[in-house]
């Protein structure tokens, strides 16, 4: 009780919500099927994620293989690369 009496409680309604297990689970459930497929391929180290350098076209080809009628594959590939923190290279050989 002494701690609570001395502790100043503040509230910031614009502060981000704390990251909890429930919040993580809710985010995973909200993922699209394409994101879930790409996450599975990435975690299992399967094509196209077997090499340290991955082309966006390779990711799109992987999406087409699993979901041939999916739309907006390029945007989904770029979003996934952003989520995993991939470094973007302007040119490659």
PDB file of N, CA and C in Angstrom:
ATOM      1  N   UNK A   1       0.826  -1.182   0.000  1.00  0.00           N
ATOM      2  CA  UNK A   1       0.000   0.000   0.000  1.00  0.00           C
ATOM      3  C   UNK A   1       0.877   1.254   0.000  1.00  0.00           C
ATOM      4  N   UNK A   2       2.001   1.178   0.709  1.00  0.00           N
ATOM      5  CA  UNK A   2       2.911   2.317   0.773  1.00  0.00           C
ATOM      6  C   UNK A   2       3.407   2.686  -0.626  1.00  0.00           C
ATOM      7  N   UNK A   3       3.757   1.671  -1.420  1.00  0.00           N
ATOM      8  CA  UNK A   3       4.210   1.925  -2.800  1.00  0.00           C
ATOM      9  C   UNK A   3       3.127   2.631  -3.602  1.00  0.00           C
ATOM     10  N   UNK A   4       1.915   2.149  -3.523  1.00  0.00           N
ATOM     11  CA  UNK A   4       0.815   2.745  -4.275  1.00  0.00           C
ATOM     12  C   UNK A   4       0.514   4.163  -3.810  1.00  0.00           C
ATOM     13  N   UNK A   5       0.664   4.425  -2.545  1.00  0.00           N
ATOM     14  CA  UNK A   5       0.420   5.776  -2.026  1.00  0.00           C
ATOM     15  C   UNK A   5       1.472   6.759  -2.527  1.00  0.00           C
ATOM     16  N   UNK A   6       2.727   6.303  -2.702  1.00  0.00           N
ATOM     17  CA  UNK A   6       3.799   7.187  -3.157  1.00  0.00           C
ATOM     18  C   UNK A   6       3.936   7.235  -4.671  1.00  0.00           C
ATOM     19  N   UNK A   7       3.380   6.274  -5.346  1.00  0.00           N
ATOM     20  CA  UNK A   7       3.514   6.193  -6.808  1.00  0.00           C
ATOM     21  C   UNK A   7       2.522   7.131  -7.489  1.00  0.00           C
ATOM     22  N   UNK A   8       3.051   8.002  -8.346  1.00  0.00           N
ATOM     23  CA  UNK A   8       2.193   8.937  -9.065  1.00  0.00           C
ATOM     24  C   UNK A   8       1.639   8.230 -10.303  1.00  0.00           C
ATOM     25  N   UNK A   9       0.356   8.175 -10.418  1.00  0.00           N
ATOM     26  CA  UNK A   9      -0.299   7.520 -11.545  1.00  0.00           C
ATOM     27  C   UNK A   9      -0.640   8.579 -12.586  1.00  0.00           C
ATOM     28  N   UNK A  10      -0.188   8.326 -13.808  1.00  0.00           N
ATOM     29  CA  UNK A  10      -0.488   9.246 -14.912  1.00  0.00           C
ATOM     30  C   UNK A  10      -1.184   8.471 -16.015  1.00  0.00           C
ATOM     31  N   UNK A  11      -1.897   9.187 -16.831  1.00  0.00           N
ATOM     32  CA  UNK A  11      -2.616   8.567 -17.936  1.00  0.00           C
ATOM     33  C   UNK A  11      -2.450   9.436 -19.173  1.00  0.00           C
ATOM     34  N   UNK A  12      -1.973   8.817 -20.243  1.00  0.00           N
ATOM     35  CA  UNK A  12      -1.841   9.513 -21.515  1.00  0.00           C
ATOM     36  C   UNK A  12      -2.736   8.798 -22.527  1.00  0.00           C
ATOM     37  N   UNK A  13      -3.883   9.367 -22.876  1.00  0.00           N
ATOM     38  CA  UNK A  13      -4.803   8.670 -23.789  1.00  0.00           C
ATOM     39  C   UNK A  13      -4.257   8.503 -25.201  1.00  0.00           C
ATOM     40  N   UNK A  14      -3.225   9.261 -25.561  1.00  0.00           N
ATOM     41  CA  UNK A  14      -2.660   9.158 -26.910  1.00  0.00           C
ATOM     42  C   UNK A  14      -1.439   8.243 -26.959  1.00  0.00           C
ATOM     43  N   UNK A  15      -1.074   7.659 -25.843  1.00  0.00           N
ATOM     44  CA  UNK A  15       0.073   6.749 -25.808  1.00  0.00           C
ATOM     45  C   UNK A  15      -0.302   5.430 -26.477  1.00  0.00           C
ATOM     46  N   UNK A  16       0.666   4.760 -27.091  1.00  0.00           N
ATOM     47  CA  UNK A  16       0.355   3.459 -27.707  1.00  0.00           C
ATOM     48  C   UNK A  16       0.002   2.421 -26.647  1.00  0.00           C
ATOM     49  N   UNK A  17      -0.851   1.509 -27.034  1.00  0.00           N
ATOM     50  CA  UNK A  17      -1.253   0.448 -26.116  1.00  0.00           C
ATOM     51  C   UNK A  17      -0.060  -0.468 -25.857  1.00  0.00           C
ATOM     52  N   UNK A  18       0.028  -1.036 -24.664  1.00  0.00           N
ATOM     53  CA  UNK A  18       1.146  -1.946 -24.385  1.00  0.00           C
ATOM     54  C   UNK A  18       1.045  -3.197 -25.251  1.00  0.00           C
ATOM     55  N   UNK A  19       2.203  -3.718 -25.635  1.00  0.00           N
ATOM     56  CA  UNK A  19       2.233  -4.921 -26.474  1.00  0.00           C
ATOM     57  C   UNK A  19       2.102  -6.142 -25.577  1.00  0.00           C
ATOM     58  N   UNK A  20       1.023  -6.870 -25.744  1.00  0.00           N
ATOM     59  CA  UNK A  20       0.755  -8.041 -24.917  1.00  0.00           C
ATOM     60  C   UNK A  20       0.641  -9.269 -25.811  1.00  0.00           C
ATOM     61  N   UNK A  21       0.555 -10.421 -25.167  1.00  0.00           N
ATOM     62  CA  UNK A  21       0.380 -11.669 -25.901  1.00  0.00           C
ATOM     63  C   UNK A  21      -0.941 -11.663 -26.677  1.00  0.00           C
ATOM     64  N   UNK A  22      -1.972 -11.110 -26.057  1.00  0.00           N
ATOM     65  CA  UNK A  22      -3.280 -11.042 -26.715  1.00  0.00           C
ATOM     66  C   UNK A  22      -3.225 -10.146 -27.952  1.00  0.00           C
ATOM     67  N   UNK A  23      -2.492  -9.044 -27.851  1.00  0.00           N
ATOM     68  CA  UNK A  23      -2.365  -8.139 -28.993  1.00  0.00           C
ATOM     69  C   UNK A  23      -1.611  -8.817 -30.133  1.00  0.00           C
ATOM     70  N   UNK A  24      -0.586  -9.577 -29.800  1.00  0.00           N
ATOM     71  CA  UNK A  24       0.172 -10.304 -30.810  1.00  0.00           C
ATOM     72  C   UNK A  24      -0.715 -11.354 -31.486  1.00  0.00           C
ATOM     73  N   UNK A  25      -1.486 -12.074 -30.700  1.00  0.00           N
ATOM     74  CA  UNK A  25      -2.376 -13.092 -31.257  1.00  0.00           C
ATOM     75  C   UNK A  25      -3.437 -12.467 -32.158  1.00  0.00           C
ATOM     76  N   UNK A  26      -3.966 -11.332 -31.746  1.00  0.00           N
ATOM     77  CA  UNK A  26      -4.969 -10.650 -32.552  1.00  0.00           C
ATOM     78  C   UNK A  26      -4.369 -10.192 -33.881  1.00  0.00           C
ATOM     79  N   UNK A  27      -3.132  -9.724 -33.860  1.00  0.00           N
ATOM     80  CA  UNK A  27      -2.453  -9.325 -35.094  1.00  0.00           C
ATOM     81  C   UNK A  27      -2.217 -10.504 -36.020  1.00  0.00           C
ATOM     82  N   UNK A  28      -1.875 -11.651 -35.447  1.00  0.00           N
ATOM     83  CA  UNK A  28      -1.650 -12.845 -36.263  1.00  0.00           C
ATOM     84  C   UNK A  28      -2.949 -13.332 -36.900  1.00  0.00           C
ATOM     85  N   UNK A  29      -4.038 -13.222 -36.178  1.00  0.00           N
ATOM     86  CA  UNK A  29      -5.331 -13.642 -36.730  1.00  0.00           C
ATOM     87  C   UNK A  29      -5.828 -12.692 -37.816  1.00  0.00           C
ATOM     88  N   UNK A  30      -5.393 -11.450 -37.767  1.00  0.00           N
ATOM     89  CA  UNK A  30      -5.842 -10.456 -38.746  1.00  0.00           C
ATOM     90  C   UNK A  30      -5.034 -10.515 -40.043  1.00  0.00           C
ATOM     91  N   UNK A  31      -3.968 -11.310 -40.074  1.00  0.00           N
ATOM     92  CA  UNK A  31      -3.147 -11.406 -41.283  1.00  0.00           C
ATOM     93  C   UNK A  31      -3.936 -12.032 -42.422  1.00  0.00           C
ATOM     94  N   UNK A  32      -3.589 -11.610 -43.630  1.00  0.00           N
ATOM     95  CA  UNK A  32      -4.207 -12.210 -44.808  1.00  0.00           C
ATOM     96  C   UNK A  32      -3.589 -13.587 -45.054  1.00  0.00           C
ATOM     97  N   UNK A  33      -4.227 -14.355 -45.918  1.00  0.00           N
ATOM     98  CA  UNK A  33      -3.714 -15.687 -46.248  1.00  0.00           C
ATOM     99  C   UNK A  33      -2.350 -15.597 -46.921  1.00  0.00           C
ATOM    100  N   UNK A  34      -2.159 -14.581 -47.756  1.00  0.00           N
ATOM    101  CA  UNK A  34      -0.872 -14.399 -48.435  1.00  0.00           C
ATOM    102  C   UNK A  34       0.227 -14.121 -47.411  1.00  0.00           C
ATOM    103  N   UNK A  35      -0.051 -13.239 -46.455  1.00  0.00           N
ATOM    104  CA  UNK A  35       0.935 -12.936 -45.417  1.00  0.00           C
ATOM    105  C   UNK A  35       1.268 -14.182 -44.599  1.00  0.00           C
ATOM    106  N   UNK A  36       0.250 -14.971 -44.282  1.00  0.00           N
ATOM    107  CA  UNK A  36       0.477 -16.194 -43.508  1.00  0.00           C
ATOM    108  C   UNK A  36       1.335 -17.178 -44.306  1.00  0.00           C
ATOM    109  N   UNK A  37       1.065 -17.310 -45.603  1.00  0.00           N
ATOM    110  CA  UNK A  37       1.870 -18.203 -46.448  1.00  0.00           C
ATOM    111  C   UNK A  37       3.320 -17.736 -46.520  1.00  0.00           C
ATOM    112  N   UNK A  38       3.519 -16.445 -46.724  1.00  0.00           N
ATOM    113  CA  UNK A  38       4.884 -15.908 -46.823  1.00  0.00           C
ATOM    114  C   UNK A  38       5.618 -16.062 -45.488  1.00  0.00           C
ATOM    115  N   UNK A  39       4.917 -15.842 -44.389  1.00  0.00           N
ATOM    116  CA  UNK A  39       5.542 -15.994 -43.070  1.00  0.00           C
ATOM    117  C   UNK A  39       5.977 -17.437 -42.857  1.00  0.00           C
ATOM    118  N   UNK A  40       5.132 -18.384 -43.278  1.00  0.00           N
ATOM    119  CA  UNK A  40       5.467 -19.802 -43.140  1.00  0.00           C
ATOM    120  C   UNK A  40       6.705 -20.137 -43.975  1.00  0.00           C
ATOM    121  N   UNK A  41       6.742 -19.671 -45.224  1.00  0.00           N
ATOM    122  CA  UNK A  41       7.900 -19.936 -46.093  1.00  0.00           C
ATOM    123  C   UNK A  41       9.164 -19.330 -45.499  1.00  0.00           C
ATOM    124  N   UNK A  42       9.048 -18.136 -44.955  1.00  0.00           N
ATOM    125  CA  UNK A  42      10.197 -17.444 -44.376  1.00  0.00           C
ATOM    126  C   UNK A  42      10.725 -18.185 -43.151  1.00  0.00           C
ATOM    127  N   UNK A  43       9.840 -18.557 -42.235  1.00  0.00           N
ATOM    128  CA  UNK A  43      10.274 -19.234 -41.014  1.00  0.00           C
ATOM    129  C   UNK A  43      10.832 -20.628 -41.282  1.00  0.00           C
ATOM    130  N   UNK A  44      10.328 -21.302 -42.312  1.00  0.00           N
ATOM    131  CA  UNK A  44      10.824 -22.630 -42.642  1.00  0.00           C
ATOM    132  C   UNK A  44      12.050 -22.589 -43.543  1.00  0.00           C
ATOM    133  N   UNK A  45      12.420 -21.391 -44.016  1.00  0.00           N
ATOM    134  CA  UNK A  45      13.600 -21.250 -44.862  1.00  0.00           C
ATOM    135  C   UNK A  45      13.439 -21.870 -46.235  1.00  0.00           C
ATOM    136  N   UNK A  46      12.223 -21.867 -46.755  1.00  0.00           N
ATOM    137  CA  UNK A  46      11.953 -22.437 -48.066  1.00  0.00           C
ATOM    138  C   UNK A  46      12.027 -21.360 -49.133  1.00  0.00           C
ATOM    139  N   UNK A  47      12.027 -21.801 -50.393  1.00  0.00           N
ATOM    140  CA  UNK A  47      12.076 -20.859 -51.513  1.00  0.00           C
ATOM    141  C   UNK A  47      10.964 -19.843 -51.389  1.00  0.00           C
ATOM    142  N   UNK A  48      11.226 -18.617 -51.644  1.00  0.00           N
ATOM    143  CA  UNK A  48      12.415 -17.953 -52.154  1.00  0.00           C
ATOM    144  C   UNK A  48      13.364 -17.449 -51.070  1.00  0.00           C
ATOM    145  N   UNK A  49      13.156 -17.858 -49.818  1.00  0.00           N
ATOM    146  CA  UNK A  49      13.937 -17.336 -48.697  1.00  0.00           C
ATOM    147  C   UNK A  49      15.107 -18.229 -48.311  1.00  0.00           C
ATOM    148  N   UNK A  50      15.659 -18.972 -49.265  1.00  0.00           N
ATOM    149  CA  UNK A  50      16.796 -19.836 -48.974  1.00  0.00           C
ATOM    150  C   UNK A  50      18.124 -19.095 -49.083  1.00  0.00           C
ATOM    151  N   UNK A  51      18.105 -17.905 -49.650  1.00  0.00           N
ATOM    152  CA  UNK A  51      19.320 -17.110 -49.848  1.00  0.00           C
ATOM    153  C   UNK A  51      19.178 -15.769 -49.126  1.00  0.00           C
ATOM    154  N   UNK A  52      20.295 -15.122 -48.807  1.00  0.00           N
ATOM    155  CA  UNK A  52      20.209 -13.836 -48.116  1.00  0.00           C
ATOM    156  C   UNK A  52      19.673 -12.697 -48.999  1.00  0.00           C
ATOM    157  N   UNK A  53      19.765 -12.850 -50.318  1.00  0.00           N
ATOM    158  CA  UNK A  53      19.256 -11.832 -51.236  1.00  0.00           C
ATOM    159  C   UNK A  53      18.025 -12.398 -51.931  1.00  0.00           C
ATOM    160  N   UNK A  54      16.903 -11.705 -51.778  1.00  0.00           N
ATOM    161  CA  UNK A  54      15.636 -12.169 -52.346  1.00  0.00           C
ATOM    162  C   UNK A  54      15.072 -11.070 -53.229  1.00  0.00           C
ATOM    163  N   UNK A  55      14.710 -11.446 -54.445  1.00  0.00           N
ATOM    164  CA  UNK A  55      14.089 -10.489 -55.356  1.00  0.00           C
ATOM    165  C   UNK A  55      12.581 -10.477 -55.146  1.00  0.00           C
ATOM    166  N   UNK A  56      11.993  -9.333 -55.335  1.00  0.00           N
ATOM    167  CA  UNK A  56      10.546  -9.198 -55.186  1.00  0.00           C
ATOM    168  C   UNK A  56       9.824 -10.115 -56.178  1.00  0.00           C
ATOM    169  N   UNK A  57      10.375 -10.270 -57.369  1.00  0.00           N
ATOM    170  CA  UNK A  57       9.771 -11.136 -58.383  1.00  0.00           C
ATOM    171  C   UNK A  57       9.733 -12.595 -57.912  1.00  0.00           C
ATOM    172  N   UNK A  58      10.727 -13.002 -57.146  1.00  0.00           N
ATOM    173  CA  UNK A  58      10.749 -14.368 -56.612  1.00  0.00           C
ATOM    174  C   UNK A  58       9.638 -14.571 -55.593  1.00  0.00           C
ATOM    175  N   UNK A  59       9.380 -13.549 -54.791  1.00  0.00           N
ATOM    176  CA  UNK A  59       8.298 -13.636 -53.811  1.00  0.00           C
ATOM    177  C   UNK A  59       6.950 -13.681 -54.522  1.00  0.00           C
ATOM    178  N   UNK A  60       6.800 -12.874 -55.556  1.00  0.00           N
ATOM    179  CA  UNK A  60       5.560 -12.870 -56.338  1.00  0.00           C
ATOM    180  C   UNK A  60       5.344 -14.239 -56.983  1.00  0.00           C
ATOM    181  N   UNK A  61       6.394 -14.850 -57.480  1.00  0.00           N
ATOM    182  CA  UNK A  61       6.287 -16.185 -58.080  1.00  0.00           C
ATOM    183  C   UNK A  61       5.852 -17.209 -57.031  1.00  0.00           C
ATOM    184  N   UNK A  62       6.350 -17.069 -55.797  1.00  0.00           N
ATOM    185  CA  UNK A  62       5.948 -17.986 -54.725  1.00  0.00           C
ATOM    186  C   UNK A  62       4.475 -17.801 -54.381  1.00  0.00           C
ATOM    187  N   UNK A  63       4.011 -16.551 -54.387  1.00  0.00           N
ATOM    188  CA  UNK A  63       2.589 -16.296 -54.124  1.00  0.00           C
ATOM    189  C   UNK A  63       1.743 -16.915 -55.231  1.00  0.00           C
ATOM    190  N   UNK A  64       2.163 -16.718 -56.490  1.00  0.00           N
ATOM    191  CA  UNK A  64       1.416 -17.270 -57.624  1.00  0.00           C
ATOM    192  C   UNK A  64       1.344 -18.787 -57.556  1.00  0.00           C
ATOM    193  N   UNK A  65       2.402 -19.408 -57.057  1.00  0.00           N
ATOM    194  CA  UNK A  65       2.440 -20.869 -56.957  1.00  0.00           C
ATOM    195  C   UNK A  65       1.383 -21.381 -55.975  1.00  0.00           C
ATOM    196  N   UNK A  66       1.228 -20.678 -54.840  1.00  0.00           N
ATOM    197  CA  UNK A  66       0.273 -21.109 -53.825  1.00  0.00           C
ATOM    198  C   UNK A  66      -1.133 -20.551 -54.065  1.00  0.00           C
ATOM    199  N   UNK A  67      -1.200 -19.365 -54.621  1.00  0.00           N
ATOM    200  CA  UNK A  67      -2.488 -18.695 -54.835  1.00  0.00           C
ATOM    201  C   UNK A  67      -2.493 -18.034 -56.210  1.00  0.00           C
ATOM    202  N   UNK A  68      -2.778 -18.799 -57.269  1.00  0.00           N
ATOM    203  CA  UNK A  68      -2.657 -18.270 -58.636  1.00  0.00           C
ATOM    204  C   UNK A  68      -3.628 -17.138 -58.955  1.00  0.00           C
ATOM    205  N   UNK A  69      -4.728 -17.000 -58.234  1.00  0.00           N
ATOM    206  CA  UNK A  69      -5.712 -15.967 -58.551  1.00  0.00           C
ATOM    207  C   UNK A  69      -5.664 -14.776 -57.600  1.00  0.00           C
ATOM    208  N   UNK A  70      -4.617 -14.712 -56.808  1.00  0.00           N
ATOM    209  CA  UNK A  70      -4.475 -13.611 -55.848  1.00  0.00           C
ATOM    210  C   UNK A  70      -4.200 -12.308 -56.580  1.00  0.00           C
ATOM    211  N   UNK A  71      -4.782 -11.230 -56.074  1.00  0.00           N
ATOM    212  CA  UNK A  71      -4.555  -9.907 -56.647  1.00  0.00           C
ATOM    213  C   UNK A  71      -3.611  -9.124 -55.740  1.00  0.00           C
ATOM    214  N   UNK A  72      -3.013  -8.085 -56.276  1.00  0.00           N
ATOM    215  CA  UNK A  72      -2.126  -7.183 -55.539  1.00  0.00           C
ATOM    216  C   UNK A  72      -0.936  -7.916 -54.917  1.00  0.00           C
ATOM    217  N   UNK A  73      -0.340  -8.809 -55.683  1.00  0.00           N
ATOM    218  CA  UNK A  73       0.782  -9.602 -55.172  1.00  0.00           C
ATOM    219  C   UNK A  73       2.016  -8.746 -54.919  1.00  0.00           C
ATOM    220  N   UNK A  74       2.254  -7.755 -55.776  1.00  0.00           N
ATOM    221  CA  UNK A  74       3.432  -6.903 -55.623  1.00  0.00           C
ATOM    222  C   UNK A  74       3.354  -6.125 -54.308  1.00  0.00           C
ATOM    223  N   UNK A  75       2.192  -5.575 -54.013  1.00  0.00           N
ATOM    224  CA  UNK A  75       2.016  -4.828 -52.764  1.00  0.00           C
ATOM    225  C   UNK A  75       2.169  -5.750 -51.559  1.00  0.00           C
ATOM    226  N   UNK A  76       1.643  -6.965 -51.651  1.00  0.00           N
ATOM    227  CA  UNK A  76       1.764  -7.924 -50.542  1.00  0.00           C
ATOM    228  C   UNK A  76       3.220  -8.315 -50.321  1.00  0.00           C
ATOM    229  N   UNK A  77       3.972  -8.488 -51.403  1.00  0.00           N
ATOM    230  CA  UNK A  77       5.390  -8.844 -51.289  1.00  0.00           C
ATOM    231  C   UNK A  77       6.182  -7.715 -50.631  1.00  0.00           C
ATOM    232  N   UNK A  78       5.939  -6.481 -51.055  1.00  0.00           N
ATOM    233  CA  UNK A  78       6.653  -5.345 -50.466  1.00  0.00           C
ATOM    234  C   UNK A  78       6.283  -5.150 -49.001  1.00  0.00           C
ATOM    235  N   UNK A  79       5.017  -5.332 -48.670  1.00  0.00           N
ATOM    236  CA  UNK A  79       4.572  -5.198 -47.283  1.00  0.00           C
ATOM    237  C   UNK A  79       5.245  -6.252 -46.402  1.00  0.00           C
ATOM    238  N   UNK A  80       5.338  -7.484 -46.920  1.00  0.00           N
ATOM    239  CA  UNK A  80       5.968  -8.545 -46.138  1.00  0.00           C
ATOM    240  C   UNK A  80       7.445  -8.244 -45.917  1.00  0.00           C
ATOM    241  N   UNK A  81       8.129  -7.771 -46.949  1.00  0.00           N
ATOM    242  CA  UNK A  81       9.547  -7.437 -46.797  1.00  0.00           C
ATOM    243  C   UNK A  81       9.743  -6.331 -45.766  1.00  0.00           C
ATOM    244  N   UNK A  82       8.827  -5.371 -45.727  1.00  0.00           N
ATOM    245  CA  UNK A  82       8.902  -4.326 -44.706  1.00  0.00           C
ATOM    246  C   UNK A  82       8.693  -4.912 -43.309  1.00  0.00           C
ATOM    247  N   UNK A  83       7.756  -5.846 -43.184  1.00  0.00           N
ATOM    248  CA  UNK A  83       7.462  -6.447 -41.887  1.00  0.00           C
ATOM    249  C   UNK A  83       8.637  -7.224 -41.315  1.00  0.00           C
ATOM    250  N   UNK A  84       9.389  -7.897 -42.174  1.00  0.00           N
ATOM    251  CA  UNK A  84      10.518  -8.683 -41.662  1.00  0.00           C
ATOM    252  C   UNK A  84      11.789  -7.852 -41.548  1.00  0.00           C
ATOM    253  N   UNK A  85      11.704  -6.576 -41.931  1.00  0.00           N
ATOM    254  CA  UNK A  85      12.851  -5.676 -41.790  1.00  0.00           C
ATOM    255  C   UNK A  85      13.926  -5.886 -42.838  1.00  0.00           C
ATOM    256  N   UNK A  86      13.526  -6.270 -44.035  1.00  0.00           N
ATOM    257  CA  UNK A  86      14.490  -6.495 -45.111  1.00  0.00           C
ATOM    258  C   UNK A  86      15.065  -5.168 -45.593  1.00  0.00           C
ATOM    259  N   UNK A  87      16.341  -5.169 -45.904  1.00  0.00           N
ATOM    260  CA  UNK A  87      16.998  -3.981 -46.450  1.00  0.00           C
ATOM    261  C   UNK A  87      16.704  -3.919 -47.942  1.00  0.00           C
ATOM    262  N   UNK A  88      16.356  -2.728 -48.412  1.00  0.00           N
ATOM    263  CA  UNK A  88      16.028  -2.554 -49.827  1.00  0.00           C
ATOM    264  C   UNK A  88      17.280  -2.100 -50.582  1.00  0.00           C
ATOM    265  N   UNK A  89      17.550  -2.773 -51.660  1.00  0.00           N
ATOM    266  CA  UNK A  89      18.676  -2.401 -52.508  1.00  0.00           C
ATOM    267  C   UNK A  89      18.137  -1.786 -53.785  1.00  0.00           C
ATOM    268  N   UNK A  90      18.751  -0.722 -54.228  1.00  0.00           N
ATOM    269  CA  UNK A  90      18.297  -0.057 -55.448  1.00  0.00           C
ATOM    270  C   UNK A  90      18.666  -0.874 -56.697  1.00  0.00           C
ATOM    271  N   UNK A  91      19.881  -1.396 -56.693  1.00  0.00           N
ATOM    272  CA  UNK A  91      20.350  -2.166 -57.847  1.00  0.00           C
ATOM    273  C   UNK A  91      21.021  -3.425 -57.351  1.00  0.00           C
ATOM    274  N   UNK A  92      20.936  -4.434 -58.138  1.00  0.00           N
ATOM    275  CA  UNK A  92      21.586  -5.686 -57.788  1.00  0.00           C
ATOM    276  C   UNK A  92      22.073  -6.356 -59.060  1.00  0.00           C
ATOM    277  N   UNK A  93      23.013  -7.248 -58.909  1.00  0.00           N
ATOM    278  CA  UNK A  93      23.564  -7.974 -60.061  1.00  0.00           C
ATOM    279  C   UNK A  93      23.457  -9.450 -59.788  1.00  0.00           C
TER     280      UNK A  93
END
